[in-house]
mmCIF file of all heavy atoms, coordinates in Angstrom:
data_MODEL
# 
_entry.id   MODEL 
# 
loop_
_atom_site.group_PDB 
_atom_site.id 
_atom_site.type_symbol 
_atom_site.label_atom_id 
_atom_site.label_alt_id 
_atom_site.label_comp_id 
_atom_site.label_asym_id 
_atom_site.label_entity_id 
_atom_site.label_seq_id 
_atom_site.pdbx_PDB_ins_code 
_atom_site.Cartn_x 
_atom_site.Cartn_y 
_atom_site.Cartn_z 
_atom_site.occupancy 
_atom_site.B_iso_or_equiv 
_atom_site.pdbx_formal_charge 
_atom_site.auth_seq_id 
_atom_site.auth_comp_id 
_atom_site.auth_asym_id 
_atom_site.auth_atom_id 
_atom_site.pdbx_PDB_model_num 
ATOM 1   N N   . ILE A 1 1  ? 34.490 46.088 3.503   1.00 0.00 ? 1  ILE A N   1 
ATOM 2   C CA  . ILE A 1 1  ? 35.762 45.449 3.178   1.00 0.00 ? 1  ILE A CA  1 
ATOM 3   C C   . ILE A 1 1  ? 36.392 44.889 4.450   1.00 0.00 ? 1  ILE A C   1 
ATOM 4   O O   . ILE A 1 1  ? 36.438 45.578 5.483   1.00 0.00 ? 1  ILE A O   1 
ATOM 5   C CB  . ILE A 1 1  ? 36.732 46.448 2.524   1.00 0.00 ? 1  ILE A CB  1 
ATOM 6   C CG1 . ILE A 1 1  ? 36.073 47.129 1.317   1.00 0.00 ? 1  ILE A CG1 1 
ATOM 7   C CG2 . ILE A 1 1  ? 38.011 45.734 2.089   1.00 0.00 ? 1  ILE A CG2 1 
ATOM 8   C CD1 . ILE A 1 1  ? 36.882 48.248 0.707   1.00 0.00 ? 1  ILE A CD1 1 
ATOM 9   N N   . ILE A 1 2  ? 36.868 43.668 4.354   1.00 0.00 ? 2  ILE A N   1 
ATOM 10  C CA  . ILE A 1 2  ? 37.587 43.058 5.476   1.00 0.00 ? 2  ILE A CA  1 
ATOM 11  C C   . ILE A 1 2  ? 38.930 42.532 4.968   1.00 0.00 ? 2  ILE A C   1 
ATOM 12  O O   . ILE A 1 2  ? 39.079 42.193 3.796   1.00 0.00 ? 2  ILE A O   1 
ATOM 13  C CB  . ILE A 1 2  ? 36.774 41.916 6.124   1.00 0.00 ? 2  ILE A CB  1 
ATOM 14  C CG1 . ILE A 1 2  ? 36.400 40.843 5.094   1.00 0.00 ? 2  ILE A CG1 1 
ATOM 15  C CG2 . ILE A 1 2  ? 35.532 42.459 6.802   1.00 0.00 ? 2  ILE A CG2 1 
ATOM 16  C CD1 . ILE A 1 2  ? 35.739 39.614 5.706   1.00 0.00 ? 2  ILE A CD1 1 
ATOM 17  N N   . TYR A 1 3  ? 39.896 42.488 5.885   1.00 0.00 ? 3  TYR A N   1 
ATOM 18  C CA  . TYR A 1 3  ? 41.245 42.071 5.553   1.00 0.00 ? 3  TYR A CA  1 
ATOM 19  C C   . TYR A 1 3  ? 41.750 41.036 6.539   1.00 0.00 ? 3  TYR A C   1 
ATOM 20  O O   . TYR A 1 3  ? 41.330 41.000 7.698   1.00 0.00 ? 3  TYR A O   1 
ATOM 21  C CB  . TYR A 1 3  ? 42.205 43.261 5.578   1.00 0.00 ? 3  TYR A CB  1 
ATOM 22  C CG  . TYR A 1 3  ? 41.909 44.343 4.581   1.00 0.00 ? 3  TYR A CG  1 
ATOM 23  C CD1 . TYR A 1 3  ? 41.156 45.462 4.940   1.00 0.00 ? 3  TYR A CD1 1 
ATOM 24  C CD2 . TYR A 1 3  ? 42.383 44.260 3.280   1.00 0.00 ? 3  TYR A CD2 1 
ATOM 25  C CE1 . TYR A 1 3  ? 40.881 46.455 4.016   1.00 0.00 ? 3  TYR A CE1 1 
ATOM 26  C CE2 . TYR A 1 3  ? 42.115 45.254 2.350   1.00 0.00 ? 3  TYR A CE2 1 
ATOM 27  C CZ  . TYR A 1 3  ? 41.355 46.354 2.733   1.00 0.00 ? 3  TYR A CZ  1 
ATOM 28  O OH  . TYR A 1 3  ? 41.092 47.348 1.817   1.00 0.00 ? 3  TYR A OH  1 
ATOM 29  N N   . ALA A 1 4  ? 42.708 40.248 6.081   1.00 0.00 ? 4  ALA A N   1 
ATOM 30  C CA  . ALA A 1 4  ? 43.459 39.423 7.014   1.00 0.00 ? 4  ALA A CA  1 
ATOM 31  C C   . ALA A 1 4  ? 44.224 40.375 7.928   1.00 0.00 ? 4  ALA A C   1 
ATOM 32  O O   . ALA A 1 4  ? 44.797 41.375 7.465   1.00 0.00 ? 4  ALA A O   1 
ATOM 33  C CB  . ALA A 1 4  ? 44.426 38.522 6.254   1.00 0.00 ? 4  ALA A CB  1 
ATOM 34  N N   . ASP A 1 5  ? 44.232 40.084 9.209   1.00 0.00 ? 5  ASP A N   1 
ATOM 35  C CA  . ASP A 1 5  ? 44.831 41.015 10.177  1.00 0.00 ? 5  ASP A CA  1 
ATOM 36  C C   . ASP A 1 5  ? 46.273 41.367 9.837   1.00 0.00 ? 5  ASP A C   1 
ATOM 37  O O   . ASP A 1 5  ? 46.695 42.519 9.978   1.00 0.00 ? 5  ASP A O   1 
ATOM 38  C CB  . ASP A 1 5  ? 44.768 40.394 11.581  1.00 0.00 ? 5  ASP A CB  1 
ATOM 39  C CG  . ASP A 1 5  ? 43.347 40.295 12.104  1.00 0.00 ? 5  ASP A CG  1 
ATOM 40  O OD1 . ASP A 1 5  ? 42.459 40.978 11.553  1.00 0.00 ? 5  ASP A OD1 1 
ATOM 41  O OD2 . ASP A 1 5  ? 43.115 39.509 13.047  1.00 0.00 ? 5  ASP A OD2 1 
ATOM 42  N N   . ALA A 1 6  ? 47.027 40.394 9.364   1.00 0.00 ? 6  ALA A N   1 
ATOM 43  C CA  . ALA A 1 6  ? 48.453 40.617 9.122   1.00 0.00 ? 6  ALA A CA  1 
ATOM 44  C C   . ALA A 1 6  ? 48.704 41.488 7.901   1.00 0.00 ? 6  ALA A C   1 
ATOM 45  O O   . ALA A 1 6  ? 49.816 41.993 7.711   1.00 0.00 ? 6  ALA A O   1 
ATOM 46  C CB  . ALA A 1 6  ? 49.167 39.287 8.955   1.00 0.00 ? 6  ALA A CB  1 
ATOM 47  N N   . LEU A 1 7  ? 47.687 41.711 7.071   1.00 0.00 ? 7  LEU A N   1 
ATOM 48  C CA  . LEU A 1 7  ? 47.895 42.429 5.818   1.00 0.00 ? 7  LEU A CA  1 
ATOM 49  C C   . LEU A 1 7  ? 47.286 43.826 5.833   1.00 0.00 ? 7  LEU A C   1 
ATOM 50  O O   . LEU A 1 7  ? 47.463 44.597 4.880   1.00 0.00 ? 7  LEU A O   1 
ATOM 51  C CB  . LEU A 1 7  ? 47.289 41.637 4.658   1.00 0.00 ? 7  LEU A CB  1 
ATOM 52  C CG  . LEU A 1 7  ? 47.885 40.242 4.443   1.00 0.00 ? 7  LEU A CG  1 
ATOM 53  C CD1 . LEU A 1 7  ? 47.149 39.528 3.335   1.00 0.00 ? 7  LEU A CD1 1 
ATOM 54  C CD2 . LEU A 1 7  ? 49.366 40.338 4.143   1.00 0.00 ? 7  LEU A CD2 1 
ATOM 55  N N   . THR A 1 8  ? 46.573 44.149 6.885   1.00 0.00 ? 8  THR A N   1 
ATOM 56  C CA  . THR A 1 8  ? 45.953 45.471 6.961   1.00 0.00 ? 8  THR A CA  1 
ATOM 57  C C   . THR A 1 8  ? 47.018 46.553 6.887   1.00 0.00 ? 8  THR A C   1 
ATOM 58  O O   . THR A 1 8  ? 48.017 46.510 7.601   1.00 0.00 ? 8  THR A O   1 
ATOM 59  C CB  . THR A 1 8  ? 45.164 45.604 8.269   1.00 0.00 ? 8  THR A CB  1 
ATOM 60  O OG1 . THR A 1 8  ? 44.155 44.594 8.304   1.00 0.00 ? 8  THR A OG1 1 
ATOM 61  C CG2 . THR A 1 8  ? 44.505 46.960 8.360   1.00 0.00 ? 8  THR A CG2 1 
ATOM 62  N N   . GLY A 1 9  ? 46.779 47.505 5.996   1.00 0.00 ? 9  GLY A N   1 
ATOM 63  C CA  . GLY A 1 9  ? 47.709 48.618 5.849   1.00 0.00 ? 9  GLY A CA  1 
ATOM 64  C C   . GLY A 1 9  ? 48.546 48.523 4.595   1.00 0.00 ? 9  GLY A C   1 
ATOM 65  O O   . GLY A 1 9  ? 48.918 49.542 4.019   1.00 0.00 ? 9  GLY A O   1 
ATOM 66  N N   . ARG A 1 10 ? 48.855 47.313 4.136   1.00 0.00 ? 10 ARG A N   1 
ATOM 67  C CA  . ARG A 1 10 ? 49.659 47.180 2.913   1.00 0.00 ? 10 ARG A CA  1 
ATOM 68  C C   . ARG A 1 10 ? 48.789 46.825 1.712   1.00 0.00 ? 10 ARG A C   1 
ATOM 69  O O   . ARG A 1 10 ? 49.142 47.121 0.579   1.00 0.00 ? 10 ARG A O   1 
ATOM 70  C CB  . ARG A 1 10 ? 50.719 46.090 3.086   1.00 0.00 ? 10 ARG A CB  1 
ATOM 71  C CG  . ARG A 1 10 ? 51.784 46.420 4.098   1.00 0.00 ? 10 ARG A CG  1 
ATOM 72  C CD  . ARG A 1 10 ? 52.997 45.495 3.956   1.00 0.00 ? 10 ARG A CD  1 
ATOM 73  N NE  . ARG A 1 10 ? 52.654 44.100 4.158   1.00 0.00 ? 10 ARG A NE  1 
ATOM 74  C CZ  . ARG A 1 10 ? 52.803 43.159 3.222   1.00 0.00 ? 10 ARG A CZ  1 
ATOM 75  N NH1 . ARG A 1 10 ? 53.264 43.457 2.019   1.00 0.00 ? 10 ARG A NH1 1 
ATOM 76  N NH2 . ARG A 1 10 ? 52.489 41.900 3.506   1.00 0.00 ? 10 ARG A NH2 1 
ATOM 77  N N   . PHE A 1 11 ? 47.678 46.169 1.968   1.00 0.00 ? 11 PHE A N   1 
ATOM 78  C CA  . PHE A 1 11 ? 46.798 45.726 0.880   1.00 0.00 ? 11 PHE A CA  1 
ATOM 79  C C   . PHE A 1 11 ? 45.478 46.485 0.949   1.00 0.00 ? 11 PHE A C   1 
ATOM 80  O O   . PHE A 1 11 ? 44.942 46.707 2.041   1.00 0.00 ? 11 PHE A O   1 
ATOM 81  C CB  . PHE A 1 11 ? 46.516 44.228 0.995   1.00 0.00 ? 11 PHE A CB  1 
ATOM 82  C CG  . PHE A 1 11 ? 47.676 43.333 0.636   1.00 0.00 ? 11 PHE A CG  1 
ATOM 83  C CD1 . PHE A 1 11 ? 48.972 43.812 0.582   1.00 0.00 ? 11 PHE A CD1 1 
ATOM 84  C CD2 . PHE A 1 11 ? 47.459 41.994 0.373   1.00 0.00 ? 11 PHE A CD2 1 
ATOM 85  C CE1 . PHE A 1 11 ? 50.038 42.977 0.252   1.00 0.00 ? 11 PHE A CE1 1 
ATOM 86  C CE2 . PHE A 1 11 ? 48.501 41.142 0.045   1.00 0.00 ? 11 PHE A CE2 1 
ATOM 87  C CZ  . PHE A 1 11 ? 49.789 41.630 -0.013  1.00 0.00 ? 11 PHE A CZ  1 
ATOM 88  N N   . THR A 1 12 ? 44.959 46.850 -0.210  1.00 0.00 ? 12 THR A N   1 
ATOM 89  C CA  . THR A 1 12 ? 43.672 47.537 -0.292  1.00 0.00 ? 12 THR A CA  1 
ATOM 90  C C   . THR A 1 12 ? 42.802 46.860 -1.335  1.00 0.00 ? 12 THR A C   1 
ATOM 91  O O   . THR A 1 12 ? 43.187 46.776 -2.507  1.00 0.00 ? 12 THR A O   1 
ATOM 92  C CB  . THR A 1 12 ? 43.865 49.020 -0.658  1.00 0.00 ? 12 THR A CB  1 
ATOM 93  O OG1 . THR A 1 12 ? 44.727 49.648 0.297   1.00 0.00 ? 12 THR A OG1 1 
ATOM 94  C CG2 . THR A 1 12 ? 42.525 49.741 -0.684  1.00 0.00 ? 12 THR A CG2 1 
ATOM 95  N N   . ALA A 1 13 ? 41.643 46.393 -0.903  1.00 0.00 ? 13 ALA A N   1 
ATOM 96  C CA  . ALA A 1 13 ? 40.700 45.756 -1.829  1.00 0.00 ? 13 ALA A CA  1 
ATOM 97  C C   . ALA A 1 13 ? 39.617 46.745 -2.218  1.00 0.00 ? 13 ALA A C   1 
ATOM 98  O O   . ALA A 1 13 ? 39.239 47.622 -1.432  1.00 0.00 ? 13 ALA A O   1 
ATOM 99  C CB  . ALA A 1 13 ? 40.080 44.524 -1.181  1.00 0.00 ? 13 ALA A CB  1 
ATOM 100 N N   . SER A 1 14 ? 39.122 46.604 -3.436  1.00 0.00 ? 14 SER A N   1 
ATOM 101 C CA  . SER A 1 14 ? 38.015 47.438 -3.889  1.00 0.00 ? 14 SER A CA  1 
ATOM 102 C C   . SER A 1 14 ? 37.207 46.644 -4.908  1.00 0.00 ? 14 SER A C   1 
ATOM 103 O O   . SER A 1 14 ? 37.657 45.610 -5.406  1.00 0.00 ? 14 SER A O   1 
ATOM 104 C CB  . SER A 1 14 ? 38.515 48.757 -4.485  1.00 0.00 ? 14 SER A CB  1 
ATOM 105 O OG  . SER A 1 14 ? 39.362 48.514 -5.588  1.00 0.00 ? 14 SER A OG  1 
ATOM 106 N N   . ARG A 1 15 ? 36.038 47.191 -5.201  1.00 0.00 ? 15 ARG A N   1 
ATOM 107 C CA  . ARG A 1 15 ? 35.132 46.456 -6.059  1.00 0.00 ? 15 ARG A CA  1 
ATOM 108 C C   . ARG A 1 15 ? 34.341 47.433 -6.919  1.00 0.00 ? 15 ARG A C   1 
ATOM 109 O O   . ARG A 1 15 ? 33.950 48.510 -6.463  1.00 0.00 ? 15 ARG A O   1 
ATOM 110 C CB  . ARG A 1 15 ? 34.178 45.638 -5.189  1.00 0.00 ? 15 ARG A CB  1 
ATOM 111 C CG  . ARG A 1 15 ? 33.166 44.817 -5.923  1.00 0.00 ? 15 ARG A CG  1 
ATOM 112 C CD  . ARG A 1 15 ? 32.457 43.916 -4.944  1.00 0.00 ? 15 ARG A CD  1 
ATOM 113 N NE  . ARG A 1 15 ? 31.431 43.134 -5.609  1.00 0.00 ? 15 ARG A NE  1 
ATOM 114 C CZ  . ARG A 1 15 ? 30.717 42.183 -5.029  1.00 0.00 ? 15 ARG A CZ  1 
ATOM 115 N NH1 . ARG A 1 15 ? 30.935 41.887 -3.761  1.00 0.00 ? 15 ARG A NH1 1 
ATOM 116 N NH2 . ARG A 1 15 ? 29.798 41.534 -5.701  1.00 0.00 ? 15 ARG A NH2 1 
ATOM 117 N N   . ASP A 1 16 ? 34.112 47.031 -8.161  1.00 0.00 ? 16 ASP A N   1 
ATOM 118 C CA  . ASP A 1 16 ? 33.323 47.829 -9.089  1.00 0.00 ? 16 ASP A CA  1 
ATOM 119 C C   . ASP A 1 16 ? 32.185 46.947 -9.576  1.00 0.00 ? 16 ASP A C   1 
ATOM 120 O O   . ASP A 1 16 ? 32.402 46.011 -10.349 1.00 0.00 ? 16 ASP A O   1 
ATOM 121 C CB  . ASP A 1 16 ? 34.193 48.291 -10.255 1.00 0.00 ? 16 ASP A CB  1 
ATOM 122 C CG  . ASP A 1 16 ? 33.430 49.181 -11.226 1.00 0.00 ? 16 ASP A CG  1 
ATOM 123 O OD1 . ASP A 1 16 ? 32.196 49.324 -11.071 1.00 0.00 ? 16 ASP A OD1 1 
ATOM 124 O OD2 . ASP A 1 16 ? 34.073 49.733 -12.136 1.00 0.00 ? 16 ASP A OD2 1 
ATOM 125 N N   . ALA A 1 17 ? 30.966 47.237 -9.091  1.00 0.00 ? 17 ALA A N   1 
ATOM 126 C CA  . ALA A 1 17 ? 29.812 46.418 -9.470  1.00 0.00 ? 17 ALA A CA  1 
ATOM 127 C C   . ALA A 1 17 ? 28.808 47.207 -10.301 1.00 0.00 ? 17 ALA A C   1 
ATOM 128 O O   . ALA A 1 17 ? 27.638 46.865 -10.362 1.00 0.00 ? 17 ALA A O   1 
ATOM 129 C CB  . ALA A 1 17 ? 29.145 45.863 -8.214  1.00 0.00 ? 17 ALA A CB  1 
ATOM 130 N N   . ARG A 1 18 ? 29.265 48.284 -10.928 1.00 0.00 ? 18 ARG A N   1 
ATOM 131 C CA  . ARG A 1 18 ? 28.335 49.119 -11.692 1.00 0.00 ? 18 ARG A CA  1 
ATOM 132 C C   . ARG A 1 18 ? 27.836 48.420 -12.950 1.00 0.00 ? 18 ARG A C   1 
ATOM 133 O O   . ARG A 1 18 ? 26.746 48.675 -13.435 1.00 0.00 ? 18 ARG A O   1 
ATOM 134 C CB  . ARG A 1 18 ? 29.011 50.446 -12.060 1.00 0.00 ? 18 ARG A CB  1 
ATOM 135 C CG  . ARG A 1 18 ? 29.248 51.344 -10.846 1.00 0.00 ? 18 ARG A CG  1 
ATOM 136 C CD  . ARG A 1 18 ? 30.084 52.534 -11.230 1.00 0.00 ? 18 ARG A CD  1 
ATOM 137 N NE  . ARG A 1 18 ? 31.434 52.151 -11.623 1.00 0.00 ? 18 ARG A NE  1 
ATOM 138 C CZ  . ARG A 1 18 ? 32.338 53.024 -12.064 1.00 0.00 ? 18 ARG A CZ  1 
ATOM 139 N NH1 . ARG A 1 18 ? 32.031 54.300 -12.188 1.00 0.00 ? 18 ARG A NH1 1 
ATOM 140 N NH2 . ARG A 1 18 ? 33.552 52.611 -12.393 1.00 0.00 ? 18 ARG A NH2 1 
ATOM 141 N N   . ASP A 1 19 ? 28.666 47.518 -13.485 1.00 0.00 ? 19 ASP A N   1 
ATOM 142 C CA  . ASP A 1 19 ? 28.295 46.781 -14.684 1.00 0.00 ? 19 ASP A CA  1 
ATOM 143 C C   . ASP A 1 19 ? 27.690 45.450 -14.245 1.00 0.00 ? 19 ASP A C   1 
ATOM 144 O O   . ASP A 1 19 ? 28.392 44.587 -13.736 1.00 0.00 ? 19 ASP A O   1 
ATOM 145 C CB  . ASP A 1 19 ? 29.537 46.543 -15.554 1.00 0.00 ? 19 ASP A CB  1 
ATOM 146 C CG  . ASP A 1 19 ? 29.197 45.842 -16.859 1.00 0.00 ? 19 ASP A CG  1 
ATOM 147 O OD1 . ASP A 1 19 ? 28.085 45.285 -16.980 1.00 0.00 ? 19 ASP A OD1 1 
ATOM 148 O OD2 . ASP A 1 19 ? 30.057 45.834 -17.755 1.00 0.00 ? 19 ASP A OD2 1 
ATOM 149 N N   . ASN A 1 20 ? 26.394 45.282 -14.439 1.00 0.00 ? 20 ASN A N   1 
ATOM 150 C CA  . ASN A 1 20 ? 25.738 44.054 -13.996 1.00 0.00 ? 20 ASN A CA  1 
ATOM 151 C C   . ASN A 1 20 ? 26.283 42.815 -14.696 1.00 0.00 ? 20 ASN A C   1 
ATOM 152 O O   . ASN A 1 20 ? 26.218 41.709 -14.165 1.00 0.00 ? 20 ASN A O   1 
ATOM 153 C CB  . ASN A 1 20 ? 24.222 44.150 -14.222 1.00 0.00 ? 20 ASN A CB  1 
ATOM 154 C CG  . ASN A 1 20 ? 23.566 45.090 -13.240 1.00 0.00 ? 20 ASN A CG  1 
ATOM 155 O OD1 . ASN A 1 20 ? 24.056 45.285 -12.140 1.00 0.00 ? 20 ASN A OD1 1 
ATOM 156 N ND2 . ASN A 1 20 ? 22.456 45.683 -13.638 1.00 0.00 ? 20 ASN A ND2 1 
ATOM 157 N N   . ALA A 1 21 ? 26.780 43.002 -15.897 1.00 0.00 ? 21 ALA A N   1 
ATOM 158 C CA  . ALA A 1 21 ? 27.262 41.852 -16.645 1.00 0.00 ? 21 ALA A CA  1 
ATOM 159 C C   . ALA A 1 21 ? 28.650 41.408 -16.186 1.00 0.00 ? 21 ALA A C   1 
ATOM 160 O O   . ALA A 1 21 ? 29.030 40.261 -16.416 1.00 0.00 ? 21 ALA A O   1 
ATOM 161 C CB  . ALA A 1 21 ? 27.284 42.175 -18.132 1.00 0.00 ? 21 ALA A CB  1 
ATOM 162 N N   . GLN A 1 22 ? 29.376 42.308 -15.547 1.00 0.00 ? 22 GLN A N   1 
ATOM 163 C CA  . GLN A 1 22 ? 30.721 41.947 -15.141 1.00 0.00 ? 22 GLN A CA  1 
ATOM 164 C C   . GLN A 1 22 ? 31.112 42.709 -13.886 1.00 0.00 ? 22 GLN A C   1 
ATOM 165 O O   . GLN A 1 22 ? 31.281 43.914 -13.920 1.00 0.00 ? 22 GLN A O   1 
ATOM 166 C CB  . GLN A 1 22 ? 31.722 42.233 -16.257 1.00 0.00 ? 22 GLN A CB  1 
ATOM 167 C CG  . GLN A 1 22 ? 33.109 41.669 -15.972 1.00 0.00 ? 22 GLN A CG  1 
ATOM 168 C CD  . GLN A 1 22 ? 34.036 41.794 -17.167 1.00 0.00 ? 22 GLN A CD  1 
ATOM 169 O OE1 . GLN A 1 22 ? 34.606 42.835 -17.398 1.00 0.00 ? 22 GLN A OE1 1 
ATOM 170 N NE2 . GLN A 1 22 ? 34.176 40.724 -17.921 1.00 0.00 ? 22 GLN A NE2 1 
ATOM 171 N N   . ASN A 1 23 ? 31.238 41.966 -12.800 1.00 0.00 ? 23 ASN A N   1 
ATOM 172 C CA  . ASN A 1 23 ? 31.756 42.541 -11.562 1.00 0.00 ? 23 ASN A CA  1 
ATOM 173 C C   . ASN A 1 23 ? 33.272 42.531 -11.622 1.00 0.00 ? 23 ASN A C   1 
ATOM 174 O O   . ASN A 1 23 ? 33.877 41.594 -12.145 1.00 0.00 ? 23 ASN A O   1 
ATOM 175 C CB  . ASN A 1 23 ? 31.307 41.674 -10.375 1.00 0.00 ? 23 ASN A CB  1 
ATOM 176 C CG  . ASN A 1 23 ? 30.087 42.243 -9.719  1.00 0.00 ? 23 ASN A CG  1 
ATOM 177 O OD1 . ASN A 1 23 ? 30.138 42.692 -8.582  1.00 0.00 ? 23 ASN A OD1 1 
ATOM 178 N ND2 . ASN A 1 23 ? 28.988 42.236 -10.437 1.00 0.00 ? 23 ASN A ND2 1 
ATOM 179 N N   . LYS A 1 24 ? 33.876 43.550 -11.047 1.00 0.00 ? 24 LYS A N   1 
ATOM 180 C CA  . LYS A 1 24 ? 35.329 43.592 -10.990 1.00 0.00 ? 24 LYS A CA  1 
ATOM 181 C C   . LYS A 1 24 ? 35.796 43.775 -9.549  1.00 0.00 ? 24 LYS A C   1 
ATOM 182 O O   . LYS A 1 24 ? 35.228 44.562 -8.800  1.00 0.00 ? 24 LYS A O   1 
ATOM 183 C CB  . LYS A 1 24 ? 35.859 44.709 -11.875 1.00 0.00 ? 24 LYS A CB  1 
ATOM 184 C CG  . LYS A 1 24 ? 35.607 44.463 -13.362 1.00 0.00 ? 24 LYS A CG  1 
ATOM 185 C CD  . LYS A 1 24 ? 36.245 45.518 -14.231 1.00 0.00 ? 24 LYS A CD  1 
ATOM 186 C CE  . LYS A 1 24 ? 36.001 45.200 -15.709 1.00 0.00 ? 24 LYS A CE  1 
ATOM 187 N NZ  . LYS A 1 24 ? 36.587 46.230 -16.599 1.00 0.00 ? 24 LYS A NZ  1 
ATOM 188 N N   . LEU A 1 25 ? 36.804 43.037 -9.217  1.00 0.00 ? 25 LEU A N   1 
ATOM 189 C CA  . LEU A 1 25 ? 37.403 43.087 -7.886  1.00 0.00 ? 25 LEU A CA  1 
ATOM 190 C C   . LEU A 1 25 ? 38.874 43.415 -8.049  1.00 0.00 ? 25 LEU A C   1 
ATOM 191 O O   . LEU A 1 25 ? 39.524 42.905 -8.974  1.00 0.00 ? 25 LEU A O   1 
ATOM 192 C CB  . LEU A 1 25 ? 37.228 41.738 -7.174  1.00 0.00 ? 25 LEU A CB  1 
ATOM 193 C CG  . LEU A 1 25 ? 37.714 41.638 -5.743  1.00 0.00 ? 25 LEU A CG  1 
ATOM 194 C CD1 . LEU A 1 25 ? 36.820 42.453 -4.819  1.00 0.00 ? 25 LEU A CD1 1 
ATOM 195 C CD2 . LEU A 1 25 ? 37.747 40.178 -5.293  1.00 0.00 ? 25 LEU A CD2 1 
ATOM 196 N N   . TYR A 1 26 ? 39.393 44.271 -7.167  1.00 0.00 ? 26 TYR A N   1 
ATOM 197 C CA  . TYR A 1 26 ? 40.787 44.691 -7.278  1.00 0.00 ? 26 TYR A CA  1 
ATOM 198 C C   . TYR A 1 26 ? 41.504 44.464 -5.949  1.00 0.00 ? 26 TYR A C   1 
ATOM 199 O O   . TYR A 1 26 ? 40.907 44.483 -4.881  1.00 0.00 ? 26 TYR A O   1 
ATOM 200 C CB  . TYR A 1 26 ? 40.866 46.172 -7.647  1.00 0.00 ? 26 TYR A CB  1 
ATOM 201 C CG  . TYR A 1 26 ? 40.145 46.529 -8.923  1.00 0.00 ? 26 TYR A CG  1 
ATOM 202 C CD1 . TYR A 1 26 ? 38.865 47.070 -8.891  1.00 0.00 ? 26 TYR A CD1 1 
ATOM 203 C CD2 . TYR A 1 26 ? 40.743 46.305 -10.161 1.00 0.00 ? 26 TYR A CD2 1 
ATOM 204 C CE1 . TYR A 1 26 ? 38.197 47.394 -10.063 1.00 0.00 ? 26 TYR A CE1 1 
ATOM 205 C CE2 . TYR A 1 26 ? 40.084 46.623 -11.337 1.00 0.00 ? 26 TYR A CE2 1 
ATOM 206 C CZ  . TYR A 1 26 ? 38.812 47.166 -11.283 1.00 0.00 ? 26 TYR A CZ  1 
ATOM 207 O OH  . TYR A 1 26 ? 38.154 47.481 -12.448 1.00 0.00 ? 26 TYR A OH  1 
ATOM 208 N N   . LEU A 1 27 ? 42.808 44.309 -6.060  1.00 0.00 ? 27 LEU A N   1 
ATOM 209 C CA  . LEU A 1 27 ? 43.648 44.224 -4.870  1.00 0.00 ? 27 LEU A CA  1 
ATOM 210 C C   . LEU A 1 27 ? 44.918 45.027 -5.137  1.00 0.00 ? 27 LEU A C   1 
ATOM 211 O O   . LEU A 1 27 ? 45.745 44.622 -5.953  1.00 0.00 ? 27 LEU A O   1 
ATOM 212 C CB  . LEU A 1 27 ? 43.998 42.776 -4.533  1.00 0.00 ? 27 LEU A CB  1 
ATOM 213 C CG  . LEU A 1 27 ? 44.766 42.592 -3.224  1.00 0.00 ? 27 LEU A CG  1 
ATOM 214 C CD1 . LEU A 1 27 ? 43.875 42.938 -2.023  1.00 0.00 ? 27 LEU A CD1 1 
ATOM 215 C CD2 . LEU A 1 27 ? 45.299 41.161 -3.087  1.00 0.00 ? 27 LEU A CD2 1 
# 
């Protein structure tokens, strides 16, 4: 995971790729 420098600490990204038919990305 990488972040814009100014947003590190307030924003958290994550990803769920367990379902091959549908990837999910969160913020």
